[in-house]
Amino acid sequence: MSIGNERATVTVNEAARILGIGRAAAYEGVRAGRIPSIRISPRRIVVPRAALDRLLGMNAPAGTTHAEAILPS
């Protein structure tokens, strides 16, 4: 299902690029529950686009990136 011309979900790799973080950090964020995700099968995980929009809309403290606001250092 897609909304307009955009897909409703993205892969974890695509979410990493959107958030400006590495692939490993994105999978760690998914595993820890800091990045909302849907497990389609044992090997397929997708991230809802709406969840990414919410993460990117959050107010990060001045001088930090969105990734720093959601993923611990």
N, C-alpha and C. Protein backbone atom coordinates (compact mmCIF):
# COMPACT_ATOMS: atom_id res chain seq x y z
N MET A 1 0.85 -1.19 0.00
CA MET A 1 0.00 0.00 0.00
C MET A 1 0.88 1.24 0.00
N SER A 2 0.52 2.20 -0.75
CA SER A 2 1.27 3.45 -0.75
C SER A 2 0.30 4.60 -0.58
N ILE A 3 0.85 5.68 -0.10
CA ILE A 3 0.06 6.89 0.11
C ILE A 3 0.55 7.88 -0.93
N GLY A 4 -0.30 8.22 -1.87
CA GLY A 4 0.14 9.09 -2.96
C GLY A 4 1.21 8.37 -3.76
N ASN A 5 2.31 9.04 -4.01
CA ASN A 5 3.43 8.44 -4.73
C ASN A 5 4.45 7.83 -3.79
N GLU A 6 4.27 7.96 -2.50
CA GLU A 6 5.22 7.45 -1.53
C GLU A 6 4.76 6.14 -0.94
N ARG A 7 5.69 5.22 -0.74
CA ARG A 7 5.36 3.96 -0.05
C ARG A 7 5.06 4.27 1.41
N ALA A 8 4.21 3.46 2.01
CA ALA A 8 3.84 3.66 3.41
C ALA A 8 4.92 3.16 4.37
N THR A 9 5.82 2.29 3.86
CA THR A 9 6.91 1.79 4.68
C THR A 9 8.22 1.88 3.92
N VAL A 10 9.32 1.84 4.66
CA VAL A 10 10.66 1.81 4.06
C VAL A 10 11.44 0.69 4.74
N THR A 11 12.50 0.25 4.09
CA THR A 11 13.36 -0.76 4.71
C THR A 11 14.17 -0.12 5.82
N VAL A 12 14.79 -0.95 6.64
CA VAL A 12 15.64 -0.41 7.71
C VAL A 12 16.82 0.34 7.11
N ASN A 13 17.37 -0.17 6.01
CA ASN A 13 18.48 0.55 5.34
C ASN A 13 18.04 1.92 4.85
N GLU A 14 16.85 1.99 4.26
CA GLU A 14 16.33 3.28 3.80
C GLU A 14 16.07 4.21 4.99
N ALA A 15 15.56 3.66 6.07
CA ALA A 15 15.32 4.47 7.27
C ALA A 15 16.64 5.03 7.80
N ALA A 16 17.68 4.22 7.76
CA ALA A 16 19.01 4.69 8.20
C ALA A 16 19.45 5.89 7.38
N ARG A 17 19.30 5.80 6.06
CA ARG A 17 19.69 6.93 5.19
C ARG A 17 18.86 8.17 5.50
N ILE A 18 17.55 7.98 5.69
CA ILE A 18 16.67 9.11 5.97
C ILE A 18 17.05 9.77 7.29
N LEU A 19 17.39 8.97 8.29
CA LEU A 19 17.74 9.49 9.62
C LEU A 19 19.18 9.97 9.70
N GLY A 20 19.98 9.64 8.70
CA GLY A 20 21.38 10.06 8.70
C GLY A 20 22.24 9.25 9.66
N ILE A 21 21.91 7.98 9.82
CA ILE A 21 22.67 7.09 10.70
C ILE A 21 23.12 5.88 9.90
N GLY A 22 24.01 5.10 10.47
CA GLY A 22 24.49 3.89 9.81
C GLY A 22 23.49 2.75 9.89
N ARG A 23 23.71 1.76 9.05
CA ARG A 23 22.84 0.59 9.00
C ARG A 23 22.81 -0.13 10.34
N ALA A 24 23.98 -0.34 10.94
CA ALA A 24 24.05 -1.05 12.22
C ALA A 24 23.30 -0.28 13.31
N ALA A 25 23.43 1.04 13.32
CA ALA A 25 22.74 1.86 14.32
C ALA A 25 21.22 1.78 14.12
N ALA A 26 20.81 1.73 12.87
CA ALA A 26 19.37 1.62 12.59
C ALA A 26 18.82 0.29 13.08
N TYR A 27 19.52 -0.81 12.79
CA TYR A 27 19.06 -2.11 13.27
C TYR A 27 19.09 -2.18 14.79
N GLU A 28 20.06 -1.55 15.42
CA GLU A 28 20.10 -1.50 16.89
C GLU A 28 18.91 -0.69 17.42
N GLY A 29 18.59 0.42 16.76
CA GLY A 29 17.44 1.22 17.15
C GLY A 29 16.13 0.45 17.02
N VAL A 30 16.02 -0.35 15.97
CA VAL A 30 14.84 -1.19 15.78
C VAL A 30 14.79 -2.25 16.89
N ARG A 31 15.93 -2.92 17.12
CA ARG A 31 15.98 -3.98 18.13
C ARG A 31 15.61 -3.45 19.52
N ALA A 32 16.08 -2.25 19.83
CA ALA A 32 15.82 -1.66 21.15
C ALA A 32 14.46 -0.98 21.25
N GLY A 33 13.76 -0.86 20.12
CA GLY A 33 12.44 -0.24 20.14
C GLY A 33 12.45 1.27 20.01
N ARG A 34 13.60 1.85 19.72
CA ARG A 34 13.69 3.31 19.56
C ARG A 34 13.25 3.76 18.17
N ILE A 35 13.31 2.84 17.20
CA ILE A 35 12.79 3.10 15.87
C ILE A 35 11.63 2.14 15.67
N PRO A 36 10.41 2.65 15.57
CA PRO A 36 9.25 1.77 15.40
C PRO A 36 9.37 0.96 14.11
N SER A 37 8.98 -0.31 14.19
CA SER A 37 9.11 -1.18 13.04
C SER A 37 8.03 -2.24 13.04
N ILE A 38 7.90 -2.90 11.89
CA ILE A 38 6.96 -4.01 11.73
C ILE A 38 7.76 -5.18 11.18
N ARG A 39 7.73 -6.30 11.88
CA ARG A 39 8.42 -7.50 11.39
C ARG A 39 7.44 -8.26 10.51
N ILE A 40 7.73 -8.30 9.22
CA ILE A 40 6.86 -8.96 8.24
C ILE A 40 7.10 -10.47 8.27
N SER A 41 8.35 -10.86 8.42
CA SER A 41 8.75 -12.26 8.50
C SER A 41 10.04 -12.31 9.31
N PRO A 42 10.57 -13.50 9.58
CA PRO A 42 11.81 -13.54 10.36
C PRO A 42 12.96 -12.73 9.76
N ARG A 43 12.95 -12.53 8.45
CA ARG A 43 14.04 -11.80 7.80
C ARG A 43 13.63 -10.45 7.21
N ARG A 44 12.39 -10.06 7.35
CA ARG A 44 11.91 -8.82 6.71
C ARG A 44 11.33 -7.89 7.75
N ILE A 45 11.96 -6.71 7.89
CA ILE A 45 11.51 -5.68 8.82
C ILE A 45 11.31 -4.40 8.02
N VAL A 46 10.19 -3.72 8.25
CA VAL A 46 9.95 -2.44 7.60
C VAL A 46 9.65 -1.39 8.67
N VAL A 47 9.88 -0.15 8.31
CA VAL A 47 9.65 0.98 9.21
C VAL A 47 8.54 1.83 8.60
N PRO A 48 7.47 2.07 9.34
CA PRO A 48 6.40 2.93 8.80
C PRO A 48 6.91 4.35 8.53
N ARG A 49 6.57 4.85 7.38
CA ARG A 49 6.98 6.21 7.00
C ARG A 49 6.44 7.24 8.02
N ALA A 50 5.22 7.01 8.50
CA ALA A 50 4.63 7.94 9.48
C ALA A 50 5.47 7.98 10.76
N ALA A 51 6.04 6.84 11.16
CA ALA A 51 6.89 6.80 12.35
C ALA A 51 8.16 7.61 12.14
N LEU A 52 8.74 7.52 10.94
CA LEU A 52 9.93 8.33 10.64
C LEU A 52 9.58 9.81 10.64
N ASP A 53 8.44 10.15 10.09
CA ASP A 53 8.02 11.55 10.09
C ASP A 53 7.90 12.08 11.51
N ARG A 54 7.34 11.26 12.41
CA ARG A 54 7.22 11.67 13.82
C ARG A 54 8.60 11.84 14.45
N LEU A 55 9.51 10.89 14.18
CA LEU A 55 10.86 10.99 14.74
C LEU A 55 11.57 12.24 14.25
N LEU A 56 11.42 12.55 12.98
CA LEU A 56 12.11 13.72 12.43
C LEU A 56 11.46 15.03 12.86
N GLY A 57 10.21 14.98 13.27
CA GLY A 57 9.53 16.18 13.72
C GLY A 57 9.77 16.51 15.17
N MET A 58 10.45 15.62 15.88
CA MET A 58 10.67 15.87 17.31
C MET A 58 11.65 17.02 17.51
N ASN A 59 11.54 17.69 18.62
CA ASN A 59 12.42 18.82 18.92
C ASN A 59 13.68 18.31 19.59
N ALA A 60 14.74 18.24 18.81
CA ALA A 60 16.04 17.84 19.36
C ALA A 60 16.69 19.06 20.01
N PRO A 61 17.44 18.84 21.09
CA PRO A 61 18.15 19.97 21.71
C PRO A 61 19.09 20.62 20.69
N ALA A 62 19.31 21.90 20.83
CA ALA A 62 20.18 22.63 19.90
C ALA A 62 21.54 21.96 19.86
N GLY A 63 22.08 21.83 18.65
CA GLY A 63 23.41 21.26 18.49
C GLY A 63 23.44 19.75 18.37
N THR A 64 22.29 19.08 18.40
CA THR A 64 22.27 17.63 18.23
C THR A 64 21.53 17.29 16.95
N THR A 65 21.85 16.13 16.41
CA THR A 65 21.13 15.66 15.24
C THR A 65 19.93 14.87 15.70
N HIS A 66 19.02 14.60 14.79
CA HIS A 66 17.85 13.78 15.15
C HIS A 66 18.30 12.40 15.60
N ALA A 67 19.32 11.86 14.95
CA ALA A 67 19.81 10.54 15.32
C ALA A 67 20.33 10.54 16.76
N GLU A 68 21.02 11.59 17.16
CA GLU A 68 21.52 11.68 18.54
C GLU A 68 20.37 11.76 19.54
N ALA A 69 19.26 12.32 19.12
CA ALA A 69 18.12 12.46 20.01
C ALA A 69 17.41 11.12 20.23
N ILE A 70 17.50 10.19 19.26
CA ILE A 70 16.78 8.93 19.42
C ILE A 70 17.70 7.76 19.74
N LEU A 71 18.97 7.86 19.41
CA LEU A 71 19.90 6.76 19.66
C LEU A 71 20.96 7.18 20.67
N PRO A 72 21.17 6.37 21.72
CA PRO A 72 22.19 6.74 22.70
C PRO A 72 23.58 6.64 22.10
N SER A 73 24.53 7.37 22.67
CA SER A 73 25.89 7.32 22.14
C SER A 73 26.66 6.17 22.70
